PDB file of all heavy atoms in Angstrom:
ATOM      1  N   PRO A   1       0.752  -1.246  -0.008  1.00  0.00           N
ATOM      2  CA  PRO A   1       0.014   0.013   0.020  1.00  0.00           C
ATOM      3  C   PRO A   1       0.806   1.292  -0.003  1.00  0.00           C
ATOM      4  O   PRO A   1       0.318   2.330  -0.391  1.00  0.00           O
ATOM      5  CB  PRO A   1      -0.857  -0.074   1.271  1.00  0.00           C
ATOM      6  CG  PRO A   1      -0.131  -1.096   2.133  1.00  0.00           C
ATOM      7  CD  PRO A   1       0.562  -2.009   1.202  1.00  0.00           C
ATOM      8  N   SER A   2       2.071   1.212   0.434  1.00  0.00           N
ATOM      9  CA  SER A   2       2.840   2.458   0.525  1.00  0.00           C
ATOM     10  C   SER A   2       3.398   2.924  -0.827  1.00  0.00           C
ATOM     11  O   SER A   2       3.934   4.008  -0.955  1.00  0.00           O
ATOM     12  CB  SER A   2       4.006   2.342   1.467  1.00  0.00           C
ATOM     13  OG  SER A   2       4.912   1.296   1.055  1.00  0.00           O
ATOM     14  N   THR A   3       3.275   2.107  -1.892  1.00  0.00           N
ATOM     15  CA  THR A   3       3.791   2.473  -3.231  1.00  0.00           C
ATOM     16  C   THR A   3       2.742   2.551  -4.297  1.00  0.00           C
ATOM     17  O   THR A   3       3.024   2.475  -5.464  1.00  0.00           O
ATOM     18  CB  THR A   3       4.850   1.407  -3.644  1.00  0.00           C
ATOM     19  OG1 THR A   3       4.235   0.155  -3.709  1.00  0.00           O
ATOM     20  CG2 THR A   3       6.028   1.352  -2.699  1.00  0.00           C
ATOM     21  N   VAL A   4       1.481   2.767  -3.931  1.00  0.00           N
ATOM     22  CA  VAL A   4       0.410   2.714  -4.906  1.00  0.00           C
ATOM     23  C   VAL A   4       0.082   4.094  -5.463  1.00  0.00           C
ATOM     24  O   VAL A   4      -0.176   5.001  -4.760  1.00  0.00           O
ATOM     25  CB  VAL A   4      -0.857   2.116  -4.257  1.00  0.00           C
ATOM     26  CG1 VAL A   4      -2.038   2.215  -5.167  1.00  0.00           C
ATOM     27  CG2 VAL A   4      -0.641   0.665  -3.890  1.00  0.00           C
ATOM     28  N   GLY A   5       0.078   4.175  -6.790  1.00  0.00           N
ATOM     29  CA  GLY A   5      -0.440   5.348  -7.528  1.00  0.00           C
ATOM     30  C   GLY A   5      -1.687   4.862  -8.250  1.00  0.00           C
ATOM     31  O   GLY A   5      -2.456   4.176  -7.689  1.00  0.00           O
ATOM     32  N   ALA A   6      -1.845   5.234  -9.506  1.00  0.00           N
ATOM     33  CA  ALA A   6      -2.973   4.702 -10.301  1.00  0.00           C
ATOM     34  C   ALA A   6      -2.618   3.255 -10.644  1.00  0.00           C
ATOM     35  O   ALA A   6      -1.469   2.908 -10.851  1.00  0.00           O
ATOM     36  CB  ALA A   6      -3.095   5.519 -11.596  1.00  0.00           C
ATOM     37  N   PHE A   7      -3.625   2.343 -10.563  1.00  0.00           N
ATOM     38  CA  PHE A   7      -3.377   0.949 -10.807  1.00  0.00           C
ATOM     39  C   PHE A   7      -4.674   0.239 -11.106  1.00  0.00           C
ATOM     40  O   PHE A   7      -5.793   0.781 -10.838  1.00  0.00           O
ATOM     41  CB  PHE A   7      -2.694   0.318  -9.631  1.00  0.00           C
ATOM     42  CG  PHE A   7      -3.495   0.227  -8.384  1.00  0.00           C
ATOM     43  CD1 PHE A   7      -4.126  -0.953  -8.032  1.00  0.00           C
ATOM     44  CD2 PHE A   7      -3.720   1.355  -7.587  1.00  0.00           C
ATOM     45  CE1 PHE A   7      -4.913  -1.017  -6.880  1.00  0.00           C
ATOM     46  CE2 PHE A   7      -4.462   1.287  -6.437  1.00  0.00           C
ATOM     47  CZ  PHE A   7      -5.100   0.099  -6.075  1.00  0.00           C
ATOM     48  N   ASN A   8      -4.595  -0.988 -11.635  1.00  0.00           N
ATOM     49  CA  ASN A   8      -5.782  -1.819 -11.881  1.00  0.00           C
ATOM     50  C   ASN A   8      -5.681  -3.050 -11.006  1.00  0.00           C
ATOM     51  O   ASN A   8      -4.637  -3.611 -10.775  1.00  0.00           O
ATOM     52  CB  ASN A   8      -5.816  -2.310 -13.340  1.00  0.00           C
ATOM     53  CG  ASN A   8      -6.064  -1.163 -14.320  1.00  0.00           C
ATOM     54  OD1 ASN A   8      -6.572  -0.116 -13.921  1.00  0.00           O
ATOM     55  ND2 ASN A   8      -5.686  -1.383 -15.557  1.00  0.00           N
ATOM     56  N   VAL A   9      -6.857  -3.432 -10.476  1.00  0.00           N
ATOM     57  CA  VAL A   9      -7.015  -4.742  -9.792  1.00  0.00           C
ATOM     58  C   VAL A   9      -7.775  -5.648 -10.774  1.00  0.00           C
ATOM     59  O   VAL A   9      -8.886  -5.308 -11.125  1.00  0.00           O
ATOM     60  CB  VAL A   9      -7.763  -4.598  -8.446  1.00  0.00           C
ATOM     61  CG1 VAL A   9      -7.989  -5.954  -7.822  1.00  0.00           C
ATOM     62  CG2 VAL A   9      -7.038  -3.682  -7.537  1.00  0.00           C
ATOM     63  N   THR A  10      -7.160  -6.703 -11.229  1.00  0.00           N
ATOM     64  CA  THR A  10      -7.699  -7.536 -12.265  1.00  0.00           C
ATOM     65  C   THR A  10      -8.148  -8.930 -11.734  1.00  0.00           C
ATOM     66  O   THR A  10      -7.860  -9.267 -10.661  1.00  0.00           O
ATOM     67  CB  THR A  10      -6.722  -7.718 -13.391  1.00  0.00           C
ATOM     68  OG1 THR A  10      -5.539  -8.391 -12.874  1.00  0.00           O
ATOM     69  CG2 THR A  10      -6.302  -6.393 -14.014  1.00  0.00           C
ATOM     70  N   ASN A  11      -8.843  -9.637 -12.641  1.00  0.00           N
ATOM     71  CA  ASN A  11      -9.309 -11.016 -12.338  1.00  0.00           C
ATOM     72  C   ASN A  11     -10.206 -11.136 -11.130  1.00  0.00           C
ATOM     73  O   ASN A  11     -10.137 -12.123 -10.392  1.00  0.00           O
ATOM     74  CB  ASN A  11      -8.122 -11.961 -12.268  1.00  0.00           C
ATOM     75  CG  ASN A  11      -7.313 -11.988 -13.531  1.00  0.00           C
ATOM     76  OD1 ASN A  11      -7.910 -12.032 -14.635  1.00  0.00           O
ATOM     77  ND2 ASN A  11      -5.996 -11.976 -13.407  1.00  0.00           N
ATOM     78  N   LEU A  12     -11.008 -10.146 -10.904  1.00  0.00           N
ATOM     79  CA  LEU A  12     -12.000 -10.190  -9.787  1.00  0.00           C
ATOM     80  C   LEU A  12     -13.314 -10.840 -10.273  1.00  0.00           C
ATOM     81  O   LEU A  12     -13.775 -10.485 -11.363  1.00  0.00           O
ATOM     82  CB  LEU A  12     -12.282  -8.782  -9.240  1.00  0.00           C
ATOM     83  CG  LEU A  12     -11.103  -8.005  -8.647  1.00  0.00           C
ATOM     84  CD1 LEU A  12     -11.496  -6.595  -8.327  1.00  0.00           C
ATOM     85  CD2 LEU A  12     -10.600  -8.744  -7.426  1.00  0.00           C
ATOM     86  N   PRO A  13     -13.916 -11.694  -9.510  1.00  0.00           N
ATOM     87  CA  PRO A  13     -15.185 -12.333  -9.957  1.00  0.00           C
ATOM     88  C   PRO A  13     -16.376 -11.399  -9.679  1.00  0.00           C
ATOM     89  O   PRO A  13     -17.333 -11.785  -8.977  1.00  0.00           O
ATOM     90  CB  PRO A  13     -15.231 -13.587  -9.099  1.00  0.00           C
ATOM     91  CG  PRO A  13     -14.524 -13.215  -7.834  1.00  0.00           C
ATOM     92  CD  PRO A  13     -13.447 -12.288  -8.257  1.00  0.00           C
ATOM     93  N   LEU A  14     -16.375 -10.223 -10.233  1.00  0.00           N
ATOM     94  CA  LEU A  14     -17.343  -9.173  -9.900  1.00  0.00           C
ATOM     95  C   LEU A  14     -18.768  -9.617 -10.320  1.00  0.00           C
ATOM     96  O   LEU A  14     -19.759  -9.192  -9.611  1.00  0.00           O
ATOM     97  CB  LEU A  14     -17.026  -7.877 -10.567  1.00  0.00           C
ATOM     98  CG  LEU A  14     -15.671  -7.226 -10.145  1.00  0.00           C
ATOM     99  CD1 LEU A  14     -15.347  -5.990 -10.909  1.00  0.00           C
ATOM    100  CD2 LEU A  14     -15.730  -6.932  -8.668  1.00  0.00           C
ATOM    101  N   SER A  15     -18.949 -10.400 -11.329  1.00  0.00           N
ATOM    102  CA  SER A  15     -20.319 -10.789 -11.747  1.00  0.00           C
ATOM    103  C   SER A  15     -21.005 -11.683 -10.701  1.00  0.00           C
ATOM    104  O   SER A  15     -22.250 -11.774 -10.763  1.00  0.00           O
ATOM    105  CB  SER A  15     -20.260 -11.564 -13.112  1.00  0.00           C
ATOM    106  OG  SER A  15     -19.476 -12.773 -12.941  1.00  0.00           O
ATOM    107  N   ALA A  16     -20.296 -12.192  -9.755  1.00  0.00           N
ATOM    108  CA  ALA A  16     -20.889 -12.986  -8.677  1.00  0.00           C
ATOM    109  C   ALA A  16     -21.464 -12.137  -7.516  1.00  0.00           C
ATOM    110  O   ALA A  16     -22.057 -12.676  -6.563  1.00  0.00           O
ATOM    111  CB  ALA A  16     -19.920 -14.009  -8.128  1.00  0.00           C
ATOM    112  N   TYR A  17     -21.240 -10.794  -7.596  1.00  0.00           N
ATOM    113  CA  TYR A  17     -21.572  -9.979  -6.485  1.00  0.00           C
ATOM    114  C   TYR A  17     -22.391  -8.743  -6.940  1.00  0.00           C
ATOM    115  O   TYR A  17     -22.298  -8.332  -8.119  1.00  0.00           O
ATOM    116  CB  TYR A  17     -20.291  -9.441  -5.742  1.00  0.00           C
ATOM    117  CG  TYR A  17     -19.491 -10.618  -5.230  1.00  0.00           C
ATOM    118  CD1 TYR A  17     -18.480 -11.142  -5.927  1.00  0.00           C
ATOM    119  CD2 TYR A  17     -19.810 -11.164  -4.021  1.00  0.00           C
ATOM    120  CE1 TYR A  17     -17.746 -12.205  -5.491  1.00  0.00           C
ATOM    121  CE2 TYR A  17     -19.099 -12.228  -3.499  1.00  0.00           C
ATOM    122  CZ  TYR A  17     -18.060 -12.790  -4.289  1.00  0.00           C
ATOM    123  OH  TYR A  17     -17.385 -13.867  -3.763  1.00  0.00           O
ATOM    124  N   SER A  18     -23.164  -8.184  -6.046  1.00  0.00           N
ATOM    125  CA  SER A  18     -23.966  -6.984  -6.328  1.00  0.00           C
ATOM    126  C   SER A  18     -23.217  -5.750  -5.946  1.00  0.00           C
ATOM    127  O   SER A  18     -23.435  -4.646  -6.480  1.00  0.00           O
ATOM    128  CB  SER A  18     -25.304  -7.034  -5.581  1.00  0.00           C
ATOM    129  OG  SER A  18     -26.055  -8.193  -5.981  1.00  0.00           O
ATOM    130  N   PHE A  19     -22.389  -5.830  -4.909  1.00  0.00           N
ATOM    131  CA  PHE A  19     -21.707  -4.658  -4.317  1.00  0.00           C
ATOM    132  C   PHE A  19     -20.240  -5.024  -4.033  1.00  0.00           C
ATOM    133  O   PHE A  19     -19.944  -6.214  -3.896  1.00  0.00           O
ATOM    134  CB  PHE A  19     -22.364  -4.241  -3.004  1.00  0.00           C
ATOM    135  CG  PHE A  19     -23.805  -3.857  -3.087  1.00  0.00           C
ATOM    136  CD1 PHE A  19     -24.755  -4.874  -2.904  1.00  0.00           C
ATOM    137  CD2 PHE A  19     -24.215  -2.593  -3.336  1.00  0.00           C
ATOM    138  CE1 PHE A  19     -26.129  -4.561  -2.988  1.00  0.00           C
ATOM    139  CE2 PHE A  19     -25.514  -2.254  -3.464  1.00  0.00           C
ATOM    140  CZ  PHE A  19     -26.516  -3.236  -3.268  1.00  0.00           C
ATOM    141  N   VAL A  20     -19.432  -4.017  -3.871  1.00  0.00           N
ATOM    142  CA  VAL A  20     -18.107  -4.184  -3.303  1.00  0.00           C
ATOM    143  C   VAL A  20     -17.939  -3.264  -2.110  1.00  0.00           C
ATOM    144  O   VAL A  20     -18.547  -2.149  -2.115  1.00  0.00           O
ATOM    145  CB  VAL A  20     -16.909  -3.957  -4.276  1.00  0.00           C
ATOM    146  CG1 VAL A  20     -16.958  -5.016  -5.412  1.00  0.00           C
ATOM    147  CG2 VAL A  20     -16.936  -2.574  -4.818  1.00  0.00           C
ATOM    148  N   ALA A  21     -17.235  -3.726  -1.104  1.00  0.00           N
ATOM    149  CA  ALA A  21     -16.801  -2.863   0.055  1.00  0.00           C
ATOM    150  C   ALA A  21     -15.324  -2.645  -0.175  1.00  0.00           C
ATOM    151  O   ALA A  21     -14.572  -3.624  -0.344  1.00  0.00           O
ATOM    152  CB  ALA A  21     -17.126  -3.541   1.289  1.00  0.00           C
ATOM    153  N   ILE A  22     -14.877  -1.393  -0.187  1.00  0.00           N
ATOM    154  CA  ILE A  22     -13.500  -1.093  -0.257  1.00  0.00           C
ATOM    155  C   ILE A  22     -13.009  -0.481   0.979  1.00  0.00           C
ATOM    156  O   ILE A  22     -13.537   0.527   1.477  1.00  0.00           O
ATOM    157  CB  ILE A  22     -13.224  -0.131  -1.480  1.00  0.00           C
ATOM    158  CG1 ILE A  22     -13.747  -0.770  -2.797  1.00  0.00           C
ATOM    159  CG2 ILE A  22     -11.753   0.203  -1.600  1.00  0.00           C
ATOM    160  CD1 ILE A  22     -13.650   0.075  -4.014  1.00  0.00           C
ATOM    161  N   VAL A  23     -11.975  -1.115   1.615  1.00  0.00           N
ATOM    162  CA  VAL A  23     -11.320  -0.598   2.791  1.00  0.00           C
ATOM    163  C   VAL A  23     -10.120   0.171   2.332  1.00  0.00           C
ATOM    164  O   VAL A  23      -9.327  -0.317   1.477  1.00  0.00           O
ATOM    165  CB  VAL A  23     -10.882  -1.732   3.730  1.00  0.00           C
ATOM    166  CG1 VAL A  23     -10.120  -1.189   4.925  1.00  0.00           C
ATOM    167  CG2 VAL A  23     -12.098  -2.585   4.127  1.00  0.00           C
ATOM    168  N   PHE A  24      -9.926   1.403   2.830  1.00  0.00           N
ATOM    169  CA  PHE A  24      -8.845   2.213   2.320  1.00  0.00           C
ATOM    170  C   PHE A  24      -8.280   3.097   3.451  1.00  0.00           C
ATOM    171  O   PHE A  24      -8.927   3.360   4.473  1.00  0.00           O
ATOM    172  CB  PHE A  24      -9.247   3.116   1.137  1.00  0.00           C
ATOM    173  CG  PHE A  24     -10.332   4.077   1.422  1.00  0.00           C
ATOM    174  CD1 PHE A  24     -10.002   5.426   1.665  1.00  0.00           C
ATOM    175  CD2 PHE A  24     -11.659   3.710   1.486  1.00  0.00           C
ATOM    176  CE1 PHE A  24     -10.987   6.362   1.949  1.00  0.00           C
ATOM    177  CE2 PHE A  24     -12.671   4.665   1.750  1.00  0.00           C
ATOM    178  CZ  PHE A  24     -12.310   6.004   1.960  1.00  0.00           C
ATOM    179  N   ILE A  25      -7.054   3.536   3.249  1.00  0.00           N
ATOM    180  CA  ILE A  25      -6.395   4.495   4.141  1.00  0.00           C
ATOM    181  C   ILE A  25      -6.454   5.885   3.503  1.00  0.00           C
ATOM    182  O   ILE A  25      -6.153   6.075   2.365  1.00  0.00           O
ATOM    183  CB  ILE A  25      -4.914   4.095   4.381  1.00  0.00           C
ATOM    184  CG1 ILE A  25      -4.854   2.755   5.143  1.00  0.00           C
ATOM    185  CG2 ILE A  25      -4.150   5.186   5.108  1.00  0.00           C
ATOM    186  CD1 ILE A  25      -3.451   2.216   5.345  1.00  0.00           C
ATOM    187  N   SER A  26      -6.904   6.860   4.292  1.00  0.00           N
ATOM    188  CA  SER A  26      -7.117   8.200   3.773  1.00  0.00           C
ATOM    189  C   SER A  26      -5.856   8.845   3.300  1.00  0.00           C
ATOM    190  O   SER A  26      -5.786   9.527   2.266  1.00  0.00           O
ATOM    191  CB  SER A  26      -7.880   9.093   4.769  1.00  0.00           C
ATOM    192  OG  SER A  26      -7.115   9.256   5.937  1.00  0.00           O
ATOM    193  N   ASN A  27      -4.762   8.713   4.055  1.00  0.00           N
ATOM    194  CA  ASN A  27      -3.503   9.348   3.751  1.00  0.00           C
ATOM    195  C   ASN A  27      -2.298   8.583   4.267  1.00  0.00           C
ATOM    196  O   ASN A  27      -2.073   8.565   5.440  1.00  0.00           O
ATOM    197  CB  ASN A  27      -3.541  10.813   4.291  1.00  0.00           C
ATOM    198  CG  ASN A  27      -2.321  11.616   3.899  1.00  0.00           C
ATOM    199  OD1 ASN A  27      -1.380  11.081   3.321  1.00  0.00           O
ATOM    200  ND2 ASN A  27      -2.372  12.906   4.125  1.00  0.00           N
ATOM    201  N   MET A  28      -1.556   7.959   3.371  1.00  0.00           N
ATOM    202  CA  MET A  28      -0.392   7.182   3.786  1.00  0.00           C
ATOM    203  C   MET A  28       0.762   8.036   4.260  1.00  0.00           C
ATOM    204  O   MET A  28       1.672   7.556   4.858  1.00  0.00           O
ATOM    205  CB  MET A  28       0.133   6.314   2.574  1.00  0.00           C
ATOM    206  CG  MET A  28      -0.826   5.209   2.187  1.00  0.00           C
ATOM    207  SD  MET A  28      -1.024   3.926   3.432  1.00  0.00           S
ATOM    208  CE  MET A  28       0.635   3.280   3.507  1.00  0.00           C
ATOM    209  N   ASP A  29       0.684   9.362   4.041  1.00  0.00           N
ATOM    210  CA  ASP A  29       1.788  10.239   4.398  1.00  0.00           C
ATOM    211  C   ASP A  29       1.752  10.632   5.896  1.00  0.00           C
ATOM    212  O   ASP A  29       2.674  11.164   6.442  1.00  0.00           O
ATOM    213  CB  ASP A  29       1.789  11.565   3.635  1.00  0.00           C
ATOM    214  CG  ASP A  29       2.350  11.379   2.227  1.00  0.00           C
ATOM    215  OD1 ASP A  29       3.119  10.418   2.046  1.00  0.00           O
ATOM    216  OD2 ASP A  29       2.035  12.193   1.380  1.00  0.00           O
ATOM    217  N   THR A  30       0.615  10.398   6.584  1.00  0.00           N
ATOM    218  CA  THR A  30       0.484  10.827   7.980  1.00  0.00           C
ATOM    219  C   THR A  30       0.783   9.675   8.877  1.00  0.00           C
ATOM    220  O   THR A  30       0.700   8.538   8.537  1.00  0.00           O
ATOM    221  CB  THR A  30      -0.912  11.347   8.259  1.00  0.00           C
ATOM    222  OG1 THR A  30      -1.889  10.288   8.129  1.00  0.00           O
ATOM    223  CG2 THR A  30      -1.314  12.491   7.301  1.00  0.00           C
ATOM    224  N   GLY A  31       1.122   9.990  10.136  1.00  0.00           N
ATOM    225  CA  GLY A  31       1.350   8.984  11.138  1.00  0.00           C
ATOM    226  C   GLY A  31       0.027   8.358  11.586  1.00  0.00           C
ATOM    227  O   GLY A  31      -0.013   7.260  12.135  1.00  0.00           O
ATOM    228  N   ASN A  32      -1.122   9.049  11.428  1.00  0.00           N
ATOM    229  CA  ASN A  32      -2.423   8.573  11.837  1.00  0.00           C
ATOM    230  C   ASN A  32      -3.157   8.042  10.663  1.00  0.00           C
ATOM    231  O   ASN A  32      -3.927   8.769  10.026  1.00  0.00           O
ATOM    232  CB  ASN A  32      -3.179   9.711  12.527  1.00  0.00           C
ATOM    233  CG  ASN A  32      -4.501   9.283  13.127  1.00  0.00           C
ATOM    234  OD1 ASN A  32      -4.723   8.055  13.236  1.00  0.00           O
ATOM    235  ND2 ASN A  32      -5.339  10.192  13.456  1.00  0.00           N
ATOM    236  N   GLN A  33      -2.862   6.795  10.259  1.00  0.00           N
ATOM    237  CA  GLN A  33      -3.424   6.261   9.018  1.00  0.00           C
ATOM    238  C   GLN A  33      -4.763   5.567   9.323  1.00  0.00           C
ATOM    239  O   GLN A  33      -4.809   4.361   9.491  1.00  0.00           O
ATOM    240  CB  GLN A  33      -2.398   5.282   8.423  1.00  0.00           C
ATOM    241  CG  GLN A  33      -1.158   5.957   7.991  1.00  0.00           C
ATOM    242  CD  GLN A  33      -0.069   5.044   7.504  1.00  0.00           C
ATOM    243  OE1 GLN A  33      -0.155   3.806   7.648  1.00  0.00           O
ATOM    244  NE2 GLN A  33       0.956   5.554   6.914  1.00  0.00           N
ATOM    245  N   ASN A  34      -5.803   6.347   9.329  1.00  0.00           N
ATOM    246  CA  ASN A  34      -7.149   5.853   9.664  1.00  0.00           C
ATOM    247  C   ASN A  34      -7.678   4.948   8.471  1.00  0.00           C
ATOM    248  O   ASN A  34      -7.467   5.326   7.305  1.00  0.00           O
ATOM    249  CB  ASN A  34      -8.102   6.983   9.935  1.00  0.00           C
ATOM    250  CG  ASN A  34      -7.813   7.734  11.165  1.00  0.00           C
ATOM    251  OD1 ASN A  34      -7.364   7.132  12.147  1.00  0.00           O
ATOM    252  ND2 ASN A  34      -7.991   9.046  11.160  1.00  0.00           N
TER     253      ASN A  34
END
């Protein structure tokens, strides 16, 4: 996660799901990475 810019996540079985939940860090530059 510390080296991510624009990127693709491939080979996901998305057709089997109605929704996705994405967990993310708001700002990798800060010490408080919520």
